[in-house]
């Protein structure tokens, strides 16, 4: 079961996931679209890299979505 813990002093969030949860998050993060430097996609890419570094591998999942079915973020000003 997923567990989240936030330290409000430095805005760090530690997320504990089991293997299935981590793989599911990796699949979802892989559907994020947008410009990787000016949208929130950069955060999704950073999380994917962290999951890969932690040993979560590429997951082949059966879905009903099309190749164009992605989550897109518009350009915005965000912290980080």
Protein backbone atom coordinates (compact mmCIF):
# COMPACT_ATOMS: atom_id res chain seq x y z
CA UNK A 1 0.00 0.00 0.00
CA UNK A 2 1.29 3.46 -0.90
CA UNK A 3 2.46 5.73 1.89
CA UNK A 4 3.28 9.43 1.64
CA UNK A 5 5.22 11.50 4.14
CA UNK A 6 5.83 15.24 3.76
CA UNK A 7 8.39 17.38 5.54
CA UNK A 8 6.98 20.89 5.44
CA UNK A 9 10.31 22.52 6.27
CA UNK A 10 11.98 21.63 2.97
CA UNK A 11 8.95 20.58 0.89
CA UNK A 12 10.23 17.05 0.44
CA UNK A 13 7.74 14.24 -0.06
CA UNK A 14 8.84 10.65 0.50
CA UNK A 15 6.55 8.15 -1.18
CA UNK A 16 6.68 4.46 -0.32
CA UNK A 17 5.29 2.19 -3.05
CA UNK A 18 5.17 -1.54 -3.56
CA UNK A 19 6.34 -2.91 -6.92
CA UNK A 20 2.90 -2.86 -8.56
CA UNK A 21 2.25 0.71 -7.41
CA UNK A 22 5.65 1.88 -8.64
CA UNK A 23 5.13 0.22 -12.02
CA UNK A 24 1.66 1.78 -12.29
CA UNK A 25 3.09 5.22 -11.52
CA UNK A 26 5.77 4.65 -14.17
CA UNK A 27 3.05 3.84 -16.74
CA UNK A 28 1.07 6.97 -15.84
CA UNK A 29 4.16 9.18 -15.90
CA UNK A 30 4.98 7.81 -19.35
CA UNK A 31 1.69 9.25 -20.64
CA UNK A 32 2.58 12.82 -19.68
CA UNK A 33 3.07 15.05 -22.70
CA UNK A 34 4.18 18.61 -23.24
CA UNK A 35 7.46 20.43 -23.67
CA UNK A 36 10.03 18.85 -21.33
CA UNK A 37 11.60 22.17 -20.39
CA UNK A 38 8.68 24.59 -19.99
CA UNK A 39 5.82 22.45 -18.65
CA UNK A 40 5.19 20.15 -15.71
CA UNK A 41 6.40 17.30 -17.92
CA UNK A 42 9.88 18.06 -16.59
CA UNK A 43 8.71 16.92 -13.15
CA UNK A 44 7.19 13.75 -14.60
CA UNK A 45 10.46 13.02 -16.41
CA UNK A 46 12.41 13.55 -13.16
CA UNK A 47 10.10 11.13 -11.31
CA UNK A 48 10.45 8.54 -14.09
CA UNK A 49 14.23 8.83 -13.87
CA UNK A 50 14.10 8.39 -10.08
CA UNK A 51 11.92 5.29 -10.44
CA UNK A 52 14.30 3.85 -13.04
CA UNK A 53 17.28 4.59 -10.77
CA UNK A 54 15.47 2.78 -7.96
CA UNK A 55 15.18 -0.29 -10.17
CA UNK A 56 11.63 0.04 -11.48
CA UNK A 57 11.79 -1.25 -15.03
CA UNK A 58 9.90 -0.69 -18.23
CA UNK A 59 6.40 -2.09 -17.94
CA UNK A 60 4.38 -3.35 -20.89
CA UNK A 61 0.76 -2.85 -19.94
CA UNK A 62 -2.42 -3.61 -21.80
CA UNK A 63 -4.50 -0.46 -22.04
CA UNK A 64 -7.52 0.71 -23.98
CA UNK A 65 -5.98 4.08 -24.75
CA UNK A 66 -4.85 5.26 -28.15
CA UNK A 67 -1.40 6.53 -29.02
CA UNK A 68 -2.75 10.08 -28.78
CA UNK A 69 -4.31 9.61 -25.34
CA UNK A 70 -1.85 11.56 -23.19
CA UNK A 71 -1.99 14.01 -20.35
CA UNK A 72 -0.70 17.41 -21.47
CA UNK A 73 0.25 20.41 -19.37
CA UNK A 74 0.25 23.94 -20.78
CA UNK A 75 3.18 26.26 -20.11
CA UNK A 76 2.98 27.85 -16.68
CA UNK A 77 5.16 29.29 -13.97
CA UNK A 78 5.79 26.68 -11.28
CA UNK A 79 8.30 26.36 -8.45
CA UNK A 80 11.29 24.15 -9.24
